[in-house]
């Protein structure tokens, strides 16, 4: 079973708190399990990183002449409250194309 984004939606897989929070990383390395509700985890960050898994057929349709600003496999930032979490796929989220706040790229900020 898989999810195919409809219309201007993008399917993403957000990073888990355990993957990005240094306290969780140290606790896990020490063999300590920390339980938090998913609501506490989501409230921790205002902006979240995610990997683009699939893109809907009309994403960026409202921006004629503009290139899509991300593609499958890109790491992006999105607002924490954006999108919908599918019941059958709790590790994923469906967001609108314009909910992408930025794409993570290699390099320095001097050349932006």
PDB file of N, CA and C in Angstrom:
ATOM      1  N   UNK A   1       0.844  -1.168   0.000  1.00  0.00           N
ATOM      2  CA  UNK A   1       0.000   0.000   0.000  1.00  0.00           C
ATOM      3  C   UNK A   1       0.897   1.241   0.000  1.00  0.00           C
ATOM      4  N   UNK A   2       0.479   2.273  -0.746  1.00  0.00           N
ATOM      5  CA  UNK A   2       1.223   3.526  -0.800  1.00  0.00           C
ATOM      6  C   UNK A   2       0.257   4.692  -0.939  1.00  0.00           C
ATOM      7  N   UNK A   3       0.765   5.889  -0.745  1.00  0.00           N
ATOM      8  CA  UNK A   3      -0.039   7.098  -0.876  1.00  0.00           C
ATOM      9  C   UNK A   3       0.458   7.871  -2.086  1.00  0.00           C
ATOM     10  N   UNK A   4      -0.448   8.226  -2.991  1.00  0.00           N
ATOM     11  CA  UNK A   4      -0.101   9.070  -4.129  1.00  0.00           C
ATOM     12  C   UNK A   4      -0.735  10.432  -3.879  1.00  0.00           C
ATOM     13  N   UNK A   5       0.079  11.487  -3.743  1.00  0.00           N
ATOM     14  CA  UNK A   5      -0.488  12.807  -3.475  1.00  0.00           C
ATOM     15  C   UNK A   5      -1.420  13.255  -4.597  1.00  0.00           C
ATOM     16  N   UNK A   6      -2.526  13.863  -4.217  1.00  0.00           N
ATOM     17  CA  UNK A   6      -3.494  14.360  -5.186  1.00  0.00           C
ATOM     18  C   UNK A   6      -3.310  15.865  -5.363  1.00  0.00           C
ATOM     19  N   UNK A   7      -3.476  16.322  -6.590  1.00  0.00           N
ATOM     20  CA  UNK A   7      -3.433  17.759  -6.874  1.00  0.00           C
ATOM     21  C   UNK A   7      -2.123  18.409  -6.483  1.00  0.00           C
ATOM     22  N   UNK A   8      -2.200  19.530  -5.759  1.00  0.00           N
ATOM     23  CA  UNK A   8      -0.995  20.287  -5.427  1.00  0.00           C
ATOM     24  C   UNK A   8      -0.316  19.816  -4.138  1.00  0.00           C
ATOM     25  N   UNK A   9      -0.564  18.591  -3.727  1.00  0.00           N
ATOM     26  CA  UNK A   9      -0.005  18.085  -2.470  1.00  0.00           C
ATOM     27  C   UNK A   9       1.364  17.438  -2.681  1.00  0.00           C
ATOM     28  N   UNK A  10       2.124  17.395  -1.610  1.00  0.00           N
ATOM     29  CA  UNK A  10       3.438  16.755  -1.592  1.00  0.00           C
ATOM     30  C   UNK A  10       3.447  15.797  -0.408  1.00  0.00           C
ATOM     31  N   UNK A  11       3.887  14.566  -0.612  1.00  0.00           N
ATOM     32  CA  UNK A  11       4.021  13.597   0.472  1.00  0.00           C
ATOM     33  C   UNK A  11       5.434  13.713   1.019  1.00  0.00           C
ATOM     34  N   UNK A  12       5.532  13.937   2.334  1.00  0.00           N
ATOM     35  CA  UNK A  12       6.843  14.078   2.957  1.00  0.00           C
ATOM     36  C   UNK A  12       6.963  13.127   4.137  1.00  0.00           C
ATOM     37  N   UNK A  13       8.202  12.844   4.532  1.00  0.00           N
ATOM     38  CA  UNK A  13       8.473  12.056   5.733  1.00  0.00           C
ATOM     39  C   UNK A  13       9.271  12.949   6.678  1.00  0.00           C
ATOM     40  N   UNK A  14       8.604  13.541   7.693  1.00  0.00           N
ATOM     41  CA  UNK A  14       9.305  14.412   8.626  1.00  0.00           C
ATOM     42  C   UNK A  14      10.347  13.656   9.439  1.00  0.00           C
ATOM     43  N   UNK A  15      11.410  14.369   9.834  1.00  0.00           N
ATOM     44  CA  UNK A  15      12.393  13.780  10.727  1.00  0.00           C
ATOM     45  C   UNK A  15      11.732  13.524  12.065  1.00  0.00           C
ATOM     46  N   UNK A  16      12.151  12.463  12.712  1.00  0.00           N
ATOM     47  CA  UNK A  16      11.637  12.160  14.034  1.00  0.00           C
ATOM     48  C   UNK A  16      12.463  12.926  15.057  1.00  0.00           C
ATOM     49  N   UNK A  17      11.842  13.271  16.150  1.00  0.00           N
ATOM     50  CA  UNK A  17      12.514  14.027  17.191  1.00  0.00           C
ATOM     51  C   UNK A  17      13.770  13.304  17.665  1.00  0.00           C
ATOM     52  N   UNK A  18      13.704  11.992  17.737  1.00  0.00           N
ATOM     53  CA  UNK A  18      14.856  11.211  18.182  1.00  0.00           C
ATOM     54  C   UNK A  18      16.048  11.377  17.244  1.00  0.00           C
ATOM     55  N   UNK A  19      15.778  11.730  15.976  1.00  0.00           N
ATOM     56  CA  UNK A  19      16.851  11.869  14.994  1.00  0.00           C
ATOM     57  C   UNK A  19      17.525  13.230  15.057  1.00  0.00           C
ATOM     58  N   UNK A  20      16.851  14.250  15.587  1.00  0.00           N
ATOM     59  CA  UNK A  20      17.389  15.606  15.528  1.00  0.00           C
ATOM     60  C   UNK A  20      17.654  16.248  16.880  1.00  0.00           C
ATOM     61  N   UNK A  21      17.039  15.782  17.953  1.00  0.00           N
ATOM     62  CA  UNK A  21      17.203  16.404  19.258  1.00  0.00           C
ATOM     63  C   UNK A  21      18.404  15.794  19.980  1.00  0.00           C
ATOM     64  N   UNK A  22      19.385  16.612  20.386  1.00  0.00           N
ATOM     65  CA  UNK A  22      20.584  16.082  21.028  1.00  0.00           C
ATOM     66  C   UNK A  22      20.299  15.374  22.355  1.00  0.00           C
ATOM     67  N   UNK A  23      19.291  15.806  23.100  1.00  0.00           N
ATOM     68  CA  UNK A  23      18.959  15.149  24.367  1.00  0.00           C
ATOM     69  C   UNK A  23      18.458  13.737  24.101  1.00  0.00           C
ATOM     70  N   UNK A  24      17.577  13.598  23.106  1.00  0.00           N
ATOM     71  CA  UNK A  24      17.083  12.271  22.749  1.00  0.00           C
ATOM     72  C   UNK A  24      18.210  11.383  22.244  1.00  0.00           C
ATOM     73  N   UNK A  25      19.128  11.948  21.463  1.00  0.00           N
ATOM     74  CA  UNK A  25      20.254  11.163  20.941  1.00  0.00           C
ATOM     75  C   UNK A  25      21.120  10.631  22.084  1.00  0.00           C
ATOM     76  N   UNK A  26      21.450  11.493  23.056  1.00  0.00           N
ATOM     77  CA  UNK A  26      22.290  11.068  24.184  1.00  0.00           C
ATOM     78  C   UNK A  26      21.573  10.031  25.037  1.00  0.00           C
ATOM     79  N   UNK A  27      20.289  10.246  25.270  1.00  0.00           N
ATOM     80  CA  UNK A  27      19.526   9.292  26.070  1.00  0.00           C
ATOM     81  C   UNK A  27      19.467   7.933  25.387  1.00  0.00           C
ATOM     82  N   UNK A  28      19.235   7.942  24.092  1.00  0.00           N
ATOM     83  CA  UNK A  28      19.167   6.680  23.342  1.00  0.00           C
ATOM     84  C   UNK A  28      20.508   5.959  23.371  1.00  0.00           C
ATOM     85  N   UNK A  29      21.599   6.713  23.227  1.00  0.00           N
ATOM     86  CA  UNK A  29      22.939   6.124  23.264  1.00  0.00           C
ATOM     87  C   UNK A  29      23.228   5.507  24.631  1.00  0.00           C
ATOM     88  N   UNK A  30      22.636   6.077  25.689  1.00  0.00           N
ATOM     89  CA  UNK A  30      22.831   5.557  27.045  1.00  0.00           C
ATOM     90  C   UNK A  30      21.842   4.440  27.379  1.00  0.00           C
ATOM     91  N   UNK A  31      20.955   4.124  26.437  1.00  0.00           N
ATOM     92  CA  UNK A  31      19.987   3.059  26.655  1.00  0.00           C
ATOM     93  C   UNK A  31      18.741   3.497  27.407  1.00  0.00           C
ATOM     94  N   UNK A  32      18.523   4.806  27.488  1.00  0.00           N
ATOM     95  CA  UNK A  32      17.352   5.345  28.182  1.00  0.00           C
ATOM     96  C   UNK A  32      16.271   5.659  27.159  1.00  0.00           C
ATOM     97  N   UNK A  33      15.070   5.162  27.397  1.00  0.00           N
ATOM     98  CA  UNK A  33      13.946   5.445  26.521  1.00  0.00           C
ATOM     99  C   UNK A  33      13.143   6.606  27.099  1.00  0.00           C
ATOM    100  N   UNK A  34      12.887   7.629  26.311  1.00  0.00           N
ATOM    101  CA  UNK A  34      12.088   8.769  26.739  1.00  0.00           C
ATOM    102  C   UNK A  34      10.789   8.748  25.954  1.00  0.00           C
ATOM    103  N   UNK A  35       9.673   8.669  26.655  1.00  0.00           N
ATOM    104  CA  UNK A  35       8.362   8.664  26.002  1.00  0.00           C
ATOM    105  C   UNK A  35       7.787  10.069  26.011  1.00  0.00           C
ATOM    106  N   UNK A  36       7.386  10.533  24.869  1.00  0.00           N
ATOM    107  CA  UNK A  36       6.684  11.807  24.740  1.00  0.00           C
ATOM    108  C   UNK A  36       5.494  11.572  23.832  1.00  0.00           C
ATOM    109  N   UNK A  37       4.433  12.280  24.087  1.00  0.00           N
ATOM    110  CA  UNK A  37       3.303  12.186  23.170  1.00  0.00           C
ATOM    111  C   UNK A  37       3.691  12.854  21.856  1.00  0.00           C
ATOM    112  N   UNK A  38       3.034  12.486  20.786  1.00  0.00           N
ATOM    113  CA  UNK A  38       3.355  13.085  19.495  1.00  0.00           C
ATOM    114  C   UNK A  38       3.070  14.582  19.508  1.00  0.00           C
ATOM    115  N   UNK A  39       2.121  15.041  20.329  1.00  0.00           N
ATOM    116  CA  UNK A  39       1.824  16.472  20.409  1.00  0.00           C
ATOM    117  C   UNK A  39       3.013  17.226  20.990  1.00  0.00           C
ATOM    118  N   UNK A  40       3.640  16.694  22.029  1.00  0.00           N
ATOM    119  CA  UNK A  40       4.818  17.334  22.615  1.00  0.00           C
ATOM    120  C   UNK A  40       5.946  17.350  21.602  1.00  0.00           C
ATOM    121  N   UNK A  41       6.114  16.275  20.880  1.00  0.00           N
ATOM    122  CA  UNK A  41       7.160  16.220  19.860  1.00  0.00           C
ATOM    123  C   UNK A  41       6.944  17.291  18.804  1.00  0.00           C
ATOM    124  N   UNK A  42       5.699  17.458  18.336  1.00  0.00           N
ATOM    125  CA  UNK A  42       5.414  18.436  17.293  1.00  0.00           C
ATOM    126  C   UNK A  42       5.573  19.864  17.787  1.00  0.00           C
ATOM    127  N   UNK A  43       5.249  20.117  19.053  1.00  0.00           N
ATOM    128  CA  UNK A  43       5.347  21.465  19.590  1.00  0.00           C
ATOM    129  C   UNK A  43       6.795  21.897  19.793  1.00  0.00           C
ATOM    130  N   UNK A  44       7.705  20.959  19.751  1.00  0.00           N
ATOM    131  CA  UNK A  44       9.111  21.248  20.033  1.00  0.00           C
ATOM    132  C   UNK A  44       9.732  22.170  18.986  1.00  0.00           C
ATOM    133  N   UNK A  45       9.343  22.044  17.739  1.00  0.00           N
ATOM    134  CA  UNK A  45       9.958  22.800  16.661  1.00  0.00           C
ATOM    135  C   UNK A  45       8.918  23.614  15.898  1.00  0.00           C
ATOM    136  N   UNK A  46       9.263  24.859  15.563  1.00  0.00           N
ATOM    137  CA  UNK A  46       8.359  25.688  14.763  1.00  0.00           C
ATOM    138  C   UNK A  46       8.470  25.319  13.296  1.00  0.00           C
ATOM    139  N   UNK A  47       9.636  24.923  12.866  1.00  0.00           N
ATOM    140  CA  UNK A  47       9.874  24.508  11.491  1.00  0.00           C
ATOM    141  C   UNK A  47      10.490  23.120  11.544  1.00  0.00           C
ATOM    142  N   UNK A  48      10.076  22.250  10.656  1.00  0.00           N
ATOM    143  CA  UNK A  48      10.509  20.866  10.682  1.00  0.00           C
ATOM    144  C   UNK A  48      11.158  20.496   9.353  1.00  0.00           C
ATOM    145  N   UNK A  49      12.167  19.635   9.417  1.00  0.00           N
ATOM    146  CA  UNK A  49      12.788  19.113   8.204  1.00  0.00           C
ATOM    147  C   UNK A  49      12.102  17.828   7.801  1.00  0.00           C
ATOM    148  N   UNK A  50      12.066  17.597   6.489  1.00  0.00           N
ATOM    149  CA  UNK A  50      11.444  16.383   5.971  1.00  0.00           C
ATOM    150  C   UNK A  50      12.068  16.027   4.624  1.00  0.00           C
ATOM    151  N   UNK A  51      11.859  14.797   4.213  1.00  0.00           N
ATOM    152  CA  UNK A  51      12.295  14.326   2.903  1.00  0.00           C
ATOM    153  C   UNK A  51      11.065  14.238   2.012  1.00  0.00           C
ATOM    154  N   UNK A  52      11.173  14.749   0.785  1.00  0.00           N
ATOM    155  CA  UNK A  52      10.075  14.680  -0.176  1.00  0.00           C
ATOM    156  C   UNK A  52      10.003  13.260  -0.727  1.00  0.00           C
ATOM    157  N   UNK A  53       8.848  12.633  -0.579  1.00  0.00           N
ATOM    158  CA  UNK A  53       8.664  11.245  -1.016  1.00  0.00           C
ATOM    159  C   UNK A  53       7.915  11.147  -2.341  1.00  0.00           C
ATOM    160  N   UNK A  54       6.961  12.049  -2.591  1.00  0.00           N
ATOM    161  CA  UNK A  54       6.181  12.042  -3.831  1.00  0.00           C
ATOM    162  C   UNK A  54       5.549  13.418  -4.012  1.00  0.00           C
ATOM    163  N   UNK A  55       5.236  13.752  -5.259  1.00  0.00           N
ATOM    164  CA  UNK A  55       4.681  15.064  -5.586  1.00  0.00           C
ATOM    165  C   UNK A  55       3.431  14.872  -6.445  1.00  0.00           C
ATOM    166  N   UNK A  56       2.375  15.603  -6.112  1.00  0.00           N
ATOM    167  CA  UNK A  56       1.121  15.526  -6.855  1.00  0.00           C
ATOM    168  C   UNK A  56       1.261  16.054  -8.277  1.00  0.00           C
ATOM    169  N   UNK A  57       0.348  15.650  -9.122  1.00  0.00           N
ATOM    170  CA  UNK A  57       0.439  15.955 -10.556  1.00  0.00           C
ATOM    171  C   UNK A  57       0.301  17.432 -10.899  1.00  0.00           C
ATOM    172  N   UNK A  58      -0.362  18.226 -10.076  1.00  0.00           N
ATOM    173  CA  UNK A  58      -0.513  19.649 -10.392  1.00  0.00           C
ATOM    174  C   UNK A  58       0.184  20.553  -9.374  1.00  0.00           C
ATOM    175  N   UNK A  59       1.157  20.020  -8.664  1.00  0.00           N
ATOM    176  CA  UNK A  59       1.933  20.856  -7.738  1.00  0.00           C
ATOM    177  C   UNK A  59       2.594  21.971  -8.541  1.00  0.00           C
ATOM    178  N   UNK A  60       2.591  23.165  -8.008  1.00  0.00           N
ATOM    179  CA  UNK A  60       3.136  24.381  -8.618  1.00  0.00           C
ATOM    180  C   UNK A  60       2.343  24.832  -9.843  1.00  0.00           C
ATOM    181  N   UNK A  61       1.159  24.294 -10.055  1.00  0.00           N
ATOM    182  CA  UNK A  61       0.306  24.679 -11.177  1.00  0.00           C
ATOM    183  C   UNK A  61      -0.123  26.141 -11.069  1.00  0.00           C
ATOM    184  N   UNK A  62      -0.223  26.645  -9.839  1.00  0.00           N
ATOM    185  CA  UNK A  62      -0.622  28.043  -9.618  1.00  0.00           C
ATOM    186  C   UNK A  62       0.513  29.032  -9.878  1.00  0.00           C
ATOM    187  N   UNK A  63       1.679  28.528 -10.229  1.00  0.00           N
ATOM    188  CA  UNK A  63       2.847  29.378 -10.461  1.00  0.00           C
ATOM    189  C   UNK A  63       3.357  29.162 -11.878  1.00  0.00           C
ATOM    190  N   UNK A  64       2.611  29.606 -12.901  1.00  0.00           N
ATOM    191  CA  UNK A  64       3.006  29.339 -14.284  1.00  0.00           C
ATOM    192  C   UNK A  64       4.369  29.950 -14.602  1.00  0.00           C
ATOM    193  N   UNK A  65       5.164  29.184 -15.319  1.00  0.00           N
ATOM    194  CA  UNK A  65       6.485  29.649 -15.723  1.00  0.00           C
ATOM    195  C   UNK A  65       7.549  29.472 -14.658  1.00  0.00           C
ATOM    196  N   UNK A  66       7.172  29.044 -13.456  1.00  0.00           N
ATOM    197  CA  UNK A  66       8.131  28.835 -12.372  1.00  0.00           C
ATOM    198  C   UNK A  66       8.530  27.368 -12.319  1.00  0.00           C
ATOM    199  N   UNK A  67       9.787  27.141 -12.057  1.00  0.00           N
ATOM    200  CA  UNK A  67      10.272  25.772 -11.864  1.00  0.00           C
ATOM    201  C   UNK A  67       9.826  25.264 -10.492  1.00  0.00           C
ATOM    202  N   UNK A  68       9.509  23.990 -10.356  1.00  0.00           N
ATOM    203  CA  UNK A  68       9.217  23.439  -9.024  1.00  0.00           C
ATOM    204  C   UNK A  68      10.415  23.675  -8.102  1.00  0.00           C
ATOM    205  N   UNK A  69      10.147  24.059  -6.866  1.00  0.00           N
ATOM    206  CA  UNK A  69      11.265  24.383  -5.983  1.00  0.00           C
ATOM    207  C   UNK A  69      11.771  23.200  -5.189  1.00  0.00           C
ATOM    208  N   UNK A  70      11.200  22.015  -5.394  1.00  0.00           N
ATOM    209  CA  UNK A  70      11.785  20.808  -4.805  1.00  0.00           C
ATOM    210  C   UNK A  70      11.387  19.608  -5.650  1.00  0.00           C
ATOM    211  N   UNK A  71      12.098  18.526  -5.429  1.00  0.00           N
ATOM    212  CA  UNK A  71      11.834  17.291  -6.166  1.00  0.00           C
ATOM    213  C   UNK A  71      11.907  16.116  -5.193  1.00  0.00           C
ATOM    214  N   UNK A  72      11.487  14.956  -5.635  1.00  0.00           N
ATOM    215  CA  UNK A  72      11.534  13.759  -4.796  1.00  0.00           C
ATOM    216  C   UNK A  72      12.977  13.528  -4.355  1.00  0.00           C
ATOM    217  N   UNK A  73      13.147  13.294  -3.061  1.00  0.00           N
ATOM    218  CA  UNK A  73      14.466  13.057  -2.490  1.00  0.00           C
ATOM    219  C   UNK A  73      15.074  14.278  -1.817  1.00  0.00           C
ATOM    220  N   UNK A  74      14.560  15.472  -2.116  1.00  0.00           N
ATOM    221  CA  UNK A  74      15.082  16.690  -1.482  1.00  0.00           C
ATOM    222  C   UNK A  74      14.712  16.728  -0.004  1.00  0.00           C
ATOM    223  N   UNK A  75      15.582  17.367   0.775  1.00  0.00           N
ATOM    224  CA  UNK A  75      15.283  17.648   2.172  1.00  0.00           C
ATOM    225  C   UNK A  75      14.748  19.072   2.221  1.00  0.00           C
ATOM    226  N   UNK A  76      13.597  19.237   2.848  1.00  0.00           N
ATOM    227  CA  UNK A  76      12.936  20.549   2.882  1.00  0.00           C
ATOM    228  C   UNK A  76      12.629  20.953   4.320  1.00  0.00           C
ATOM    229  N   UNK A  77      12.282  22.230   4.488  1.00  0.00           N
ATOM    230  CA  UNK A  77      11.714  22.731   5.732  1.00  0.00           C
ATOM    231  C   UNK A  77      10.251  23.059   5.479  1.00  0.00           C
ATOM    232  N   UNK A  78       9.402  22.779   6.473  1.00  0.00           N
ATOM    233  CA  UNK A  78       7.989  23.135   6.371  1.00  0.00           C
ATOM    234  C   UNK A  78       7.494  23.548   7.756  1.00  0.00           C
ATOM    235  N   UNK A  79       6.433  24.336   7.805  1.00  0.00           N
ATOM    236  CA  UNK A  79       5.873  24.774   9.077  1.00  0.00           C
ATOM    237  C   UNK A  79       5.263  23.591   9.816  1.00  0.00           C
ATOM    238  N   UNK A  80       5.437  23.560  11.132  1.00  0.00           N
ATOM    239  CA  UNK A  80       5.046  22.381  11.912  1.00  0.00           C
ATOM    240  C   UNK A  80       3.569  22.032  11.838  1.00  0.00           C
ATOM    241  N   UNK A  81       2.702  23.007  11.622  1.00  0.00           N
ATOM    242  CA  UNK A  81       1.272  22.721  11.595  1.00  0.00           C
ATOM    243  C   UNK A  81       0.735  22.512  10.183  1.00  0.00           C
ATOM    244  N   UNK A  82       1.605  22.525   9.204  1.00  0.00           N
ATOM    245  CA  UNK A  82       1.161  22.366   7.812  1.00  0.00           C
ATOM    246  C   UNK A  82       0.756  20.926   7.544  1.00  0.00           C
ATOM    247  N   UNK A  83      -0.234  20.765   6.716  1.00  0.00           N
ATOM    248  CA  UNK A  83      -0.566  19.460   6.176  1.00  0.00           C
ATOM    249  C   UNK A  83      -1.450  18.581   7.024  1.00  0.00           C
ATOM    250  N   UNK A  84      -1.513  17.355   6.590  1.00  0.00           N
ATOM    251  CA  UNK A  84      -2.409  16.336   7.120  1.00  0.00           C
ATOM    252  C   UNK A  84      -1.608  15.068   7.340  1.00  0.00           C
ATOM    253  N   UNK A  85      -1.814  14.399   8.469  1.00  0.00           N
ATOM    254  CA  UNK A  85      -1.136  13.134   8.754  1.00  0.00           C
ATOM    255  C   UNK A  85      -2.104  12.001   8.424  1.00  0.00           C
ATOM    256  N   UNK A  86      -1.809  11.209   7.377  1.00  0.00           N
ATOM    257  CA  UNK A  86      -2.724  10.118   7.018  1.00  0.00           C
ATOM    258  C   UNK A  86      -2.803   9.076   8.136  1.00  0.00           C
ATOM    259  N   UNK A  87      -3.998   8.631   8.461  1.00  0.00           N
ATOM    260  CA  UNK A  87      -4.207   7.670   9.542  1.00  0.00           C
ATOM    261  C   UNK A  87      -3.400   6.391   9.347  1.00  0.00           C
ATOM    262  N   UNK A  88      -3.360   5.893   8.114  1.00  0.00           N
ATOM    263  CA  UNK A  88      -2.654   4.639   7.846  1.00  0.00           C
ATOM    264  C   UNK A  88      -1.147   4.817   7.716  1.00  0.00           C
ATOM    265  N   UNK A  89      -0.683   6.064   7.628  1.00  0.00           N
ATOM    266  CA  UNK A  89       0.736   6.336   7.435  1.00  0.00           C
ATOM    267  C   UNK A  89       1.183   7.435   8.398  1.00  0.00           C
ATOM    268  N   UNK A  90       1.246   7.143   9.711  1.00  0.00           N
ATOM    269  CA  UNK A  90       1.528   8.192  10.695  1.00  0.00           C
ATOM    270  C   UNK A  90       2.935   8.788  10.601  1.00  0.00           C
ATOM    271  N   UNK A  91       3.858   8.135   9.910  1.00  0.00           N
ATOM    272  CA  UNK A  91       5.204   8.678   9.767  1.00  0.00           C
ATOM    273  C   UNK A  91       5.325   9.647   8.597  1.00  0.00           C
ATOM    274  N   UNK A  92       4.226   9.861   7.885  1.00  0.00           N
ATOM    275  CA  UNK A  92       4.233  10.734   6.707  1.00  0.00           C
ATOM    276  C   UNK A  92       3.250  11.882   6.896  1.00  0.00           C
ATOM    277  N   UNK A  93       3.358  12.866   6.023  1.00  0.00           N
ATOM    278  CA  UNK A  93       2.444  13.994   6.059  1.00  0.00           C
ATOM    279  C   UNK A  93       2.218  14.482   4.632  1.00  0.00           C
ATOM    280  N   UNK A  94       0.990  14.899   4.337  1.00  0.00           N
ATOM    281  CA  UNK A  94       0.654  15.504   3.052  1.00  0.00           C
ATOM    282  C   UNK A  94       0.562  17.008   3.253  1.00  0.00           C
ATOM    283  N   UNK A  95       1.357  17.777   2.502  1.00  0.00           N
ATOM    284  CA  UNK A  95       1.337  19.229   2.607  1.00  0.00           C
ATOM    285  C   UNK A  95       1.091  19.824   1.227  1.00  0.00           C
ATOM    286  N   UNK A  96       0.670  21.084   1.188  1.00  0.00           N
ATOM    287  CA  UNK A  96       0.517  21.785  -0.086  1.00  0.00           C
ATOM    288  C   UNK A  96       1.884  22.216  -0.596  1.00  0.00           C
ATOM    289  N   UNK A  97       1.989  22.375  -1.912  1.00  0.00           N
ATOM    290  CA  UNK A  97       3.259  22.784  -2.520  1.00  0.00           C
ATOM    291  C   UNK A  97       3.781  24.101  -1.948  1.00  0.00           C
ATOM    292  N   UNK A  98       2.878  25.030  -1.622  1.00  0.00           N
ATOM    293  CA  UNK A  98       3.353  26.310  -1.102  1.00  0.00           C
ATOM    294  C   UNK A  98       3.629  26.293   0.402  1.00  0.00           C
ATOM    295  N   UNK A  99       3.502  25.122   1.057  1.00  0.00           N
ATOM    296  CA  UNK A  99       3.908  24.979   2.454  1.00  0.00           C
ATOM    297  C   UNK A  99       5.400  24.686   2.589  1.00  0.00           C
ATOM    298  N   UNK A 100       6.077  24.468   1.468  1.00  0.00           N
ATOM    299  CA  UNK A 100       7.525  24.261   1.505  1.00  0.00           C
ATOM    300  C   UNK A 100       8.175  25.614   1.769  1.00  0.00           C
ATOM    301  N   UNK A 101       8.908  25.714   2.879  1.00  0.00           N
ATOM    302  CA  UNK A 101       9.538  26.970   3.267  1.00  0.00           C
ATOM    303  C   UNK A 101      10.943  27.111   2.706  1.00  0.00           C
ATOM    304  N   UNK A 102      11.598  26.005   2.449  1.00  0.00           N
ATOM    305  CA  UNK A 102      12.956  26.056   1.913  1.00  0.00           C
ATOM    306  C   UNK A 102      13.470  24.665   1.627  1.00  0.00           C
ATOM    307  N   UNK A 103      14.496  24.599   0.783  1.00  0.00           N
ATOM    308  CA  UNK A 103      15.135  23.342   0.423  1.00  0.00           C
ATOM    309  C   UNK A 103      16.548  23.371   0.975  1.00  0.00           C
ATOM    310  N   UNK A 104      16.966  22.303   1.639  1.00  0.00           N
ATOM    311  CA  UNK A 104      18.298  22.218   2.207  1.00  0.00           C
ATOM    312  C   UNK A 104      19.275  21.863   1.092  1.00  0.00           C
ATOM    313  N   UNK A 105      20.293  22.693   0.920  1.00  0.00           N
ATOM    314  CA  UNK A 105      21.311  22.465  -0.096  1.00  0.00           C
ATOM    315  C   UNK A 105      22.692  22.569   0.517  1.00  0.00           C
ATOM    316  N   UNK A 106      23.655  21.938  -0.122  1.00  0.00           N
ATOM    317  CA  UNK A 106      25.050  22.040   0.330  1.00  0.00           C
ATOM    318  C   UNK A 106      25.577  23.419  -0.041  1.00  0.00           C
ATOM    319  N   UNK A 107      26.522  23.922   0.717  1.00  0.00           N
ATOM    320  CA  UNK A 107      27.140  25.209   0.399  1.00  0.00           C
ATOM    321  C   UNK A 107      27.025  26.175   1.546  1.00  0.00           C
ATOM    322  N   UNK A 108      27.532  27.374   1.340  1.00  0.00           N
ATOM    323  CA  UNK A 108      27.501  28.382   2.386  1.00  0.00           C
ATOM    324  C   UNK A 108      26.494  29.464   2.057  1.00  0.00           C
ATOM    325  N   UNK A 109      26.176  30.299   3.037  1.00  0.00           N
ATOM    326  CA  UNK A 109      25.182  31.343   2.854  1.00  0.00           C
ATOM    327  C   UNK A 109      25.714  32.559   2.104  1.00  0.00           C
ATOM    328  N   UNK A 110      27.029  32.693   1.958  1.00  0.00           N
ATOM    329  CA  UNK A 110      27.593  33.851   1.268  1.00  0.00           C
ATOM    330  C   UNK A 110      27.223  33.876  -0.203  1.00  0.00           C
ATOM    331  N   UNK A 111      26.911  32.726  -0.781  1.00  0.00           N
ATOM    332  CA  UNK A 111      26.612  32.646  -2.213  1.00  0.00           C
ATOM    333  C   UNK A 111      25.123  32.587  -2.494  1.00  0.00           C
ATOM    334  N   UNK A 112      24.293  32.961  -1.535  1.00  0.00           N
ATOM    335  CA  UNK A 112      22.839  32.878  -1.713  1.00  0.00           C
ATOM    336  C   UNK A 112      22.375  33.992  -2.625  1.00  0.00           C
TER     337      UNK A 112
END
